[in-house]
């Protein structure tokens, strides 16, 4: 429960739409409204020839904007000075704060509050894209914490300063982005190979391409799961999950424990996994089976090296969905002859696990930082209903 008295938004907000007729060759600066309280953004300018609308809604500083279509996921905002004079379609009604009842700076804090998004979702029927639009009258019925104007100003000032500090923290974490931590792994693999082995070979020398195709509807035995590109982590080769068989349509390739699964589509993502089970994978992945006397784990690491990654990027055709050809993959030079080397794999395992742990910790720090300000808002305003929509919690 909020410590402040709750009142309908209509006590402090009134519908105030400034319609402007679209005329001639004039260019109109268009804005949009992000979901989850992230504010307004600029879109391309339009002229009368670019739209069927006869009028647009003009924005003024301090106004409250509602996306009738996406209100259920928190698409609301207070107009900042840089968006004054921008325009929105009739699907975005605007409201003005009633002087002495509601402060725009306080209302902006409400816009960031996940509890408010839940209340908006409650005013919209249906599920997902089939939800009905939120009518302005239904918005004004929503009860929100609304103390005196003086108290609103104090709250807004405190929360604005808190938000600024949280954004500074998030910026500091982004300076050493979590993804860049994993990006160190390919070069580390090259350095480790150079210390532990001098043998080289191409992919075709150390592994065979397996084309055990499974048409849709065929018996996948002994496959247990489907492993697609989205289930393999970039650079580490870690398996992040899998799907049950039949969840993904279309033909598949069958693999077995010890096979090396290489993502041919968008090879720059560097997704290579050494299978530890029977399964199916996408036809956009290559199934490589180590030749006799070769170690699939060594091959997997070699394929994730910086030299192999650079080579894959170089030979992959540049197109909308870049995919390395199997013939080019077969000729790719590796930093190994594929022979077992326990000292090499132990060092690579240790370094990979250390970097992966650092990555996981940094990602958790970033997630915690992202959730800080919403948690302050929940503490300030309460949780609005019995619980905040789980969808909004996942977004944070």
Protein backbone atom coordinates (compact mmCIF):
# COMPACT_ATOMS: atom_id res chain seq x y z
CA UNK A 1 0.00 0.00 0.00
CA UNK A 2 1.13 3.53 -0.72
CA UNK A 3 1.71 5.88 2.20
CA UNK A 4 -0.04 8.59 0.16
CA UNK A 5 -3.72 9.11 -0.44
CA UNK A 6 -4.86 7.63 -3.77
CA UNK A 7 -7.14 9.58 -6.07
CA UNK A 8 -8.41 9.13 -9.65
CA UNK A 9 -6.09 10.60 -12.26
CA UNK A 10 -9.07 12.61 -13.41
CA UNK A 11 -8.70 14.72 -10.24
CA UNK A 12 -5.42 16.08 -11.56
CA UNK A 13 -5.47 15.46 -15.29
CA UNK A 14 -7.79 16.57 -18.08
CA UNK A 15 -8.02 15.67 -21.73
CA UNK A 16 -6.44 18.45 -23.82
CA UNK A 17 -5.83 17.58 -27.47
CA UNK A 18 -4.56 20.23 -29.87
CA UNK A 19 -5.60 19.08 -33.36
CA UNK A 20 -3.61 20.45 -36.29
CA UNK A 21 -4.81 20.02 -39.87
CA UNK A 22 -2.23 18.54 -42.24
CA UNK A 23 -1.59 20.97 -45.06
CA UNK A 24 0.37 21.06 -48.32
CA UNK A 25 4.09 20.39 -48.35
CA UNK A 26 4.75 21.22 -44.72
CA UNK A 27 6.89 18.65 -42.92
CA UNK A 28 5.57 17.47 -39.55
CA UNK A 29 8.04 16.10 -36.97
CA UNK A 30 6.55 12.85 -35.72
CA UNK A 31 7.14 11.33 -32.28
CA UNK A 32 6.47 7.89 -30.88
CA UNK A 33 5.97 6.49 -27.37
CA UNK A 34 8.17 3.71 -26.04
CA UNK A 35 6.63 0.96 -23.92
CA UNK A 36 7.51 0.42 -20.25
CA UNK A 37 7.64 4.11 -19.38
CA UNK A 38 10.73 4.83 -21.47
CA UNK A 39 9.38 8.10 -22.84
CA UNK A 40 9.10 9.64 -26.29
CA UNK A 41 11.30 9.15 -29.34
CA UNK A 42 11.63 10.94 -32.69
CA UNK A 43 10.44 9.40 -35.92
CA UNK A 44 10.79 10.53 -39.54
CA UNK A 45 8.98 13.69 -40.58
CA UNK A 46 5.95 13.34 -42.85
CA UNK A 47 3.92 15.49 -45.25
CA UNK A 48 0.31 15.25 -46.33
CA UNK A 49 1.35 12.83 -49.08
CA UNK A 50 2.72 10.36 -46.51
CA UNK A 51 -0.44 9.79 -44.45
CA UNK A 52 -4.19 9.33 -44.67
CA UNK A 53 -4.74 11.26 -41.44
CA UNK A 54 -6.41 14.65 -41.88
CA UNK A 55 -5.20 15.94 -38.50
CA UNK A 56 -2.40 15.27 -36.04
CA UNK A 57 -2.12 15.89 -32.30
CA UNK A 58 0.49 18.53 -31.42
CA UNK A 59 2.59 18.04 -28.28
CA UNK A 60 3.23 20.70 -25.66
CA UNK A 61 5.72 20.70 -22.78
CA UNK A 62 4.50 18.96 -19.63
CA UNK A 63 1.58 17.19 -21.28
CA UNK A 64 0.84 13.54 -20.59
CA UNK A 65 0.66 11.25 -23.64
CA UNK A 66 -1.15 7.91 -23.79
CA UNK A 67 -0.74 5.30 -26.50
CA UNK A 68 -4.26 3.91 -26.70
CA UNK A 69 -3.00 0.82 -28.52
CA UNK A 70 -0.03 -0.03 -26.28
CA UNK A 71 -1.12 1.43 -22.96
CA UNK A 72 -1.40 -2.09 -21.55
CA UNK A 73 2.41 -2.35 -21.60
CA UNK A 74 3.17 1.08 -20.16
CA UNK A 75 3.38 3.18 -23.34
CA UNK A 76 2.91 6.54 -21.60
CA UNK A 77 5.09 9.64 -21.29
CA UNK A 78 5.32 13.26 -20.13
CA UNK A 79 6.43 15.63 -22.91
CA UNK A 80 9.98 16.94 -22.45
CA UNK A 81 10.93 20.36 -23.94
CA UNK A 82 12.76 18.82 -26.91
CA UNK A 83 9.51 17.20 -28.09
CA UNK A 84 7.41 20.36 -27.96
CA UNK A 85 5.98 20.95 -31.42
CA UNK A 86 6.24 17.30 -32.43
CA UNK A 87 3.13 15.46 -33.56
CA UNK A 88 1.37 12.16 -32.96
CA UNK A 89 -1.59 10.48 -34.60
CA UNK A 90 -5.08 10.42 -33.13
CA UNK A 91 -4.18 7.14 -31.41
CA UNK A 92 -2.19 9.22 -28.91
CA UNK A 93 -4.49 11.51 -26.87
CA UNK A 94 -2.82 14.18 -24.78
CA UNK A 95 -3.70 15.48 -21.32
CA UNK A 96 -2.76 18.54 -19.28
CA UNK A 97 -2.10 18.59 -15.54
CA UNK A 98 -4.58 20.64 -13.53
CA UNK A 99 -2.68 23.39 -11.76
CA UNK A 100 -2.66 22.94 -8.00
CA UNK A 101 -3.60 19.26 -8.27
CA UNK A 102 -0.92 17.42 -10.21
CA UNK A 103 2.70 18.28 -11.09
CA UNK A 104 4.13 17.11 -14.45
CA UNK A 105 7.44 16.16 -12.81
CA UNK A 106 5.60 13.96 -10.33
CA UNK A 107 3.48 12.43 -13.09
CA UNK A 108 6.68 11.59 -14.99
CA UNK A 109 7.81 9.53 -12.00
CA UNK A 110 4.46 7.73 -12.06
CA UNK A 111 5.07 6.93 -15.75
CA UNK A 112 8.23 5.00 -14.78
CA UNK A 113 6.43 3.01 -12.09
CA UNK A 114 5.71 -0.67 -12.98
CA UNK A 115 2.65 -0.57 -10.72
CA UNK A 116 1.11 2.07 -12.97
CA UNK A 117 1.72 -0.12 -16.02
CA UNK A 118 -0.18 -2.91 -14.28
CA UNK A 119 -3.09 -0.57 -13.60
CA UNK A 120 -3.12 0.46 -17.26
CA UNK A 121 -3.11 -3.19 -18.30
CA UNK A 122 -6.15 -3.71 -16.11
CA UNK A 123 -8.03 -1.10 -18.16
CA UNK A 124 -7.41 -3.01 -21.40
CA UNK A 125 -9.29 -6.20 -22.22
CA UNK A 126 -8.01 -9.12 -24.27
CA UNK A 127 -4.57 -10.68 -24.67
CA UNK A 128 -1.47 -9.40 -26.46
CA UNK A 129 -2.11 -7.78 -29.84
CA UNK A 130 -5.85 -8.43 -29.47
CA UNK A 131 -6.16 -6.07 -26.53
CA UNK A 132 -8.64 -3.23 -26.95
CA UNK A 133 -7.57 0.38 -26.93
CA UNK A 134 -7.61 2.20 -23.60
CA UNK A 135 -10.17 5.02 -23.75
CA UNK A 136 -9.15 8.34 -22.12
CA UNK A 137 -12.06 8.06 -19.69
CA UNK A 138 -10.73 4.71 -18.45
CA UNK A 139 -7.30 6.22 -17.92
CA UNK A 140 -8.76 9.01 -15.80
CA UNK A 141 -10.51 6.43 -13.59
CA UNK A 142 -7.21 4.93 -12.43
CA UNK A 143 -6.35 5.63 -8.80
CA UNK A 144 -2.75 6.67 -8.16
CA UNK A 145 -0.98 8.09 -5.12
CA UNK A 146 -1.65 11.83 -5.25
CA UNK A 147 -0.46 13.80 -2.23
CA UNK A 148 -0.44 17.60 -2.03
CA UNK A 149 1.36 19.51 -4.78
CA UNK A 150 4.14 20.55 -2.39
CA UNK A 151 4.70 16.91 -1.45
CA UNK A 152 4.60 15.92 -5.11
CA UNK A 153 7.42 18.35 -5.84
CA UNK A 154 9.54 16.97 -2.98
CA UNK A 155 8.95 13.39 -4.12
CA UNK A 156 9.70 14.22 -7.77
CA UNK A 157 12.91 16.03 -6.84
CA UNK A 158 14.10 13.13 -4.68
CA UNK A 159 13.23 10.47 -7.27
CA UNK A 160 14.74 12.47 -10.13
CA UNK A 161 18.04 12.69 -8.26
CA UNK A 162 17.85 8.98 -7.45
CA UNK A 163 17.22 8.13 -11.08
CA UNK A 164 20.20 10.23 -12.19
CA UNK A 165 22.49 8.34 -9.80
CA UNK A 166 21.15 4.99 -10.99
CA UNK A 167 21.73 5.99 -14.64
CA UNK A 168 25.32 6.94 -13.75
CA UNK A 169 25.79 3.49 -12.22
CA UNK A 170 24.34 1.82 -15.32
CA UNK A 171 26.64 3.88 -17.55
CA UNK A 172 29.66 2.79 -15.51
CA UNK A 173 28.69 -0.84 -15.93
CA UNK A 174 28.22 -0.36 -19.66
CA UNK A 175 31.77 0.95 -19.99
CA UNK A 176 32.82 -2.65 -19.43
CA UNK A 177 29.84 -4.21 -21.18
CA UNK A 178 29.08 -7.81 -20.28
CA UNK A 179 29.15 -8.89 -23.92
CA UNK A 180 32.65 -7.46 -24.37
CA UNK A 181 33.86 -9.75 -21.59
CA UNK A 182 32.91 -12.82 -23.62
CA UNK A 183 34.45 -11.15 -26.65
CA UNK A 184 37.87 -11.62 -25.05
CA UNK A 185 37.64 -15.40 -25.37
CA UNK A 186 38.53 -15.92 -29.08
CA UNK A 187 41.87 -14.12 -28.76
CA UNK A 188 42.58 -16.00 -25.53
CA UNK A 189 42.05 -19.29 -27.40
CA UNK A 190 44.63 -18.26 -30.03
CA UNK A 191 47.20 -17.39 -27.38
CA UNK A 192 46.66 -20.68 -25.57
CA UNK A 193 47.00 -22.77 -28.74
CA UNK A 194 50.25 -20.97 -29.56
CA UNK A 195 51.71 -22.06 -26.18
CA UNK A 196 50.59 -25.68 -26.22
CA UNK A 197 50.66 -26.88 -29.82
CA UNK A 198 52.34 -26.19 -33.15
CA UNK A 199 50.36 -28.52 -35.40
CA UNK A 200 47.86 -27.09 -37.89
CA UNK A 201 45.21 -28.51 -40.20
CA UNK A 202 42.06 -27.54 -42.04
CA UNK A 203 38.59 -28.55 -40.86
CA UNK A 204 38.25 -31.30 -43.49
CA UNK A 205 41.48 -32.91 -42.20
CA UNK A 206 40.18 -33.34 -38.65
CA UNK A 207 36.43 -33.85 -39.04
CA UNK A 208 33.81 -35.25 -41.40
CA UNK A 209 30.62 -33.40 -42.30
CA UNK A 210 27.61 -35.46 -41.22
CA UNK A 211 24.42 -35.04 -43.25
CA UNK A 212 22.04 -37.27 -41.33
CA UNK A 213 18.93 -35.40 -42.42
CA UNK A 214 15.62 -35.93 -40.62
CA UNK A 215 12.64 -34.76 -42.73
CA UNK A 216 9.69 -33.27 -40.93
CA UNK A 217 7.48 -36.02 -39.49
CA UNK A 218 10.22 -38.70 -39.60
CA UNK A 219 11.32 -40.71 -36.58
CA UNK A 220 14.09 -38.67 -34.89
CA UNK A 221 15.40 -41.57 -32.74
CA UNK A 222 17.74 -41.55 -30.86
CA UNK A 223 17.49 -37.76 -30.72
CA UNK A 224 16.25 -36.41 -27.40
CA UNK A 225 16.11 -32.63 -27.89
CA UNK A 226 16.38 -29.87 -30.49
CA UNK A 227 19.38 -27.54 -30.16
CA UNK A 228 19.24 -24.42 -32.34
CA UNK A 229 21.58 -21.43 -32.65
CA UNK A 230 19.72 -19.58 -29.90
CA UNK A 231 20.59 -22.35 -27.45
CA UNK A 232 24.37 -21.94 -27.81
CA UNK A 233 26.27 -19.10 -26.16
CA UNK A 234 28.63 -17.03 -28.30
CA UNK A 235 32.38 -17.62 -27.78
CA UNK A 236 32.03 -19.97 -24.76
CA UNK A 237 30.39 -22.96 -26.46
CA UNK A 238 28.08 -23.34 -23.46
CA UNK A 239 24.63 -24.85 -23.98
CA UNK A 240 22.00 -22.44 -22.65
CA UNK A 241 18.98 -24.69 -23.16
CA UNK A 242 17.10 -26.79 -25.69
CA UNK A 243 13.61 -27.36 -27.08
CA UNK A 244 11.54 -30.54 -27.08
CA UNK A 245 11.44 -32.41 -30.35
CA UNK A 246 8.72 -31.17 -32.66
CA UNK A 247 8.77 -27.62 -31.29
CA UNK A 248 10.64 -26.36 -34.34
CA UNK A 249 9.25 -27.05 -37.82
CA UNK A 250 11.17 -28.02 -40.94
CA UNK A 251 13.96 -30.54 -41.74
CA UNK A 252 16.72 -31.16 -39.21
CA UNK A 253 20.16 -32.71 -38.90
CA UNK A 254 20.76 -35.49 -36.40
CA UNK A 255 23.81 -35.42 -34.12
CA UNK A 256 25.30 -37.65 -31.43
CA UNK A 257 27.51 -37.13 -28.37
CA UNK A 258 30.95 -35.89 -29.40
CA UNK A 259 29.78 -34.17 -32.59
CA UNK A 260 30.81 -30.53 -33.05
CA UNK A 261 27.84 -28.30 -33.92
CA UNK A 262 28.92 -25.20 -35.84
CA UNK A 263 26.53 -22.35 -36.67
CA UNK A 264 26.92 -21.54 -40.38
CA UNK A 265 24.26 -18.81 -40.40
CA UNK A 266 25.74 -15.55 -39.08
CA UNK A 267 29.09 -17.20 -38.26
CA UNK A 268 30.30 -13.94 -36.70
CA UNK A 269 28.23 -14.92 -33.64
CA UNK A 270 30.83 -17.66 -33.04
CA UNK A 271 28.46 -20.35 -31.77
CA UNK A 272 30.19 -23.74 -31.61
CA UNK A 273 29.10 -26.51 -29.26
CA UNK A 274 30.46 -29.99 -28.61
CA UNK A 275 27.39 -32.20 -28.17
CA UNK A 276 26.99 -34.25 -25.00
CA UNK A 277 23.72 -35.92 -26.04
CA UNK A 278 21.71 -37.19 -29.00
CA UNK A 279 19.64 -34.53 -30.70
CA UNK A 280 18.57 -32.58 -33.74
CA UNK A 281 19.84 -29.22 -34.95
CA UNK A 282 19.00 -26.73 -37.68
CA UNK A 283 20.09 -27.23 -41.29
CA UNK A 284 21.82 -23.87 -40.85
CA UNK A 285 24.24 -25.59 -38.48
CA UNK A 286 26.99 -27.98 -39.53
CA UNK A 287 27.45 -31.33 -37.79
CA UNK A 288 31.17 -32.20 -37.68
CA UNK A 289 32.31 -35.63 -36.48
CA UNK A 290 35.94 -35.88 -35.39
CA UNK A 291 38.10 -38.26 -37.42
CA UNK A 292 39.79 -41.19 -35.73
CA UNK A 293 42.54 -39.97 -33.41
CA UNK A 294 41.14 -36.43 -33.20
CA UNK A 295 39.57 -34.81 -30.14
CA UNK A 296 36.21 -33.03 -30.71
CA UNK A 297 36.87 -30.79 -27.71
CA UNK A 298 40.11 -29.52 -29.26
CA UNK A 299 38.33 -29.00 -32.58
CA UNK A 300 35.53 -27.09 -30.87
CA UNK A 301 37.97 -24.72 -29.20
CA UNK A 302 39.91 -24.24 -32.46
CA UNK A 303 36.69 -23.29 -34.28
CA UNK A 304 35.96 -20.67 -31.60
CA UNK A 305 39.42 -19.07 -31.92
CA UNK A 306 39.92 -15.55 -33.20
CA UNK A 307 41.80 -16.79 -36.28
CA UNK A 308 38.95 -19.16 -37.24
CA UNK A 309 36.36 -16.49 -36.54
CA UNK A 310 38.17 -13.95 -38.72
CA UNK A 311 38.50 -16.49 -41.50
CA UNK A 312 34.78 -17.38 -41.33
CA UNK A 313 33.80 -13.72 -41.53
CA UNK A 314 36.15 -13.15 -44.48
CA UNK A 315 34.83 -16.03 -46.63
CA UNK A 316 31.14 -15.66 -45.79
CA UNK A 317 29.11 -13.97 -48.56
CA UNK A 318 27.78 -10.58 -47.52
CA UNK A 319 24.01 -10.71 -47.77
CA UNK A 320 20.91 -10.17 -45.65
CA UNK A 321 21.38 -13.53 -43.90
CA UNK A 322 25.10 -14.33 -44.25
CA UNK A 323 25.85 -18.05 -44.19
CA UNK A 324 29.25 -19.67 -44.66
CA UNK A 325 29.32 -22.36 -47.35
CA UNK A 326 30.18 -25.89 -46.23
CA UNK A 327 33.03 -25.99 -48.80
CA UNK A 328 34.57 -22.84 -47.29
CA UNK A 329 34.17 -24.19 -43.77
CA UNK A 330 35.91 -27.42 -44.82
CA UNK A 331 38.95 -25.45 -46.06
CA UNK A 332 39.17 -23.25 -42.97
CA UNK A 333 42.64 -23.40 -41.38
CA UNK A 334 42.78 -24.37 -37.70
CA UNK A 335 45.47 -23.85 -35.09
CA UNK A 336 45.61 -27.58 -34.37
CA UNK A 337 46.02 -30.98 -35.94
CA UNK A 338 43.06 -32.09 -33.80
CA UNK A 339 45.06 -34.55 -31.68
CA UNK A 340 44.15 -34.91 -27.97
CA UNK A 341 46.08 -32.55 -25.71
CA UNK A 342 45.04 -32.61 -22.06
CA UNK A 343 47.27 -29.70 -21.02
CA UNK A 344 45.74 -27.55 -23.76
CA UNK A 345 42.12 -28.39 -22.96
CA UNK A 346 42.62 -28.01 -19.20
CA UNK A 347 44.03 -24.52 -19.67
CA UNK A 348 41.26 -23.57 -22.12
CA UNK A 349 38.58 -24.96 -19.78
CA UNK A 350 40.00 -22.99 -16.84
CA UNK A 351 40.22 -19.70 -18.77
CA UNK A 352 36.79 -20.12 -20.37
CA UNK A 353 35.12 -20.87 -17.04
CA UNK A 354 36.81 -17.86 -15.40
CA UNK A 355 35.69 -15.46 -18.15
CA UNK A 356 32.20 -16.99 -18.24
CA UNK A 357 31.85 -16.48 -14.47
CA UNK A 358 32.95 -12.86 -14.82
CA UNK A 359 30.42 -12.38 -17.62
CA UNK A 360 27.61 -13.87 -15.51
CA UNK A 361 28.49 -11.64 -12.55
CA UNK A 362 28.60 -8.50 -14.69
CA UNK A 363 25.28 -9.34 -16.34
CA UNK A 364 23.69 -9.78 -12.92
CA UNK A 365 25.11 -6.42 -11.84
CA UNK A 366 23.55 -4.78 -14.89
CA UNK A 367 20.21 -6.48 -14.25
CA UNK A 368 20.29 -5.36 -10.63
CA UNK A 369 21.12 -1.79 -11.66
CA UNK A 370 18.23 -1.82 -14.16
CA UNK A 371 15.83 -2.88 -11.42
CA UNK A 372 17.02 -0.32 -8.85
CA UNK A 373 14.90 2.67 -9.87
CA UNK A 374 11.66 0.64 -10.30
CA UNK A 375 12.27 -0.77 -6.81
CA UNK A 376 12.57 2.77 -5.41
CA UNK A 377 9.30 3.65 -7.14
CA UNK A 378 7.56 0.59 -5.69
CA UNK A 379 8.83 1.54 -2.25
CA UNK A 380 7.60 5.12 -2.73
CA UNK A 381 4.20 4.40 -4.27
CA UNK A 382 3.42 0.83 -3.21
CA UNK A 383 2.76 -2.05 -5.59
CA UNK A 384 -0.59 -0.67 -6.83
CA UNK A 385 -2.37 -4.02 -6.97
CA UNK A 386 -1.76 -7.34 -5.23
CA UNK A 387 1.23 -7.85 -7.52
CA UNK A 388 2.93 -6.18 -10.45
CA UNK A 389 2.38 -7.98 -13.77
CA UNK A 390 5.13 -10.62 -14.15
CA UNK A 391 5.64 -9.46 -17.74
CA UNK A 392 6.81 -6.08 -16.46
CA UNK A 393 9.12 -7.68 -13.90
CA UNK A 394 10.71 -9.73 -16.71
CA UNK A 395 11.23 -6.54 -18.73
CA UNK A 396 13.25 -5.02 -15.90
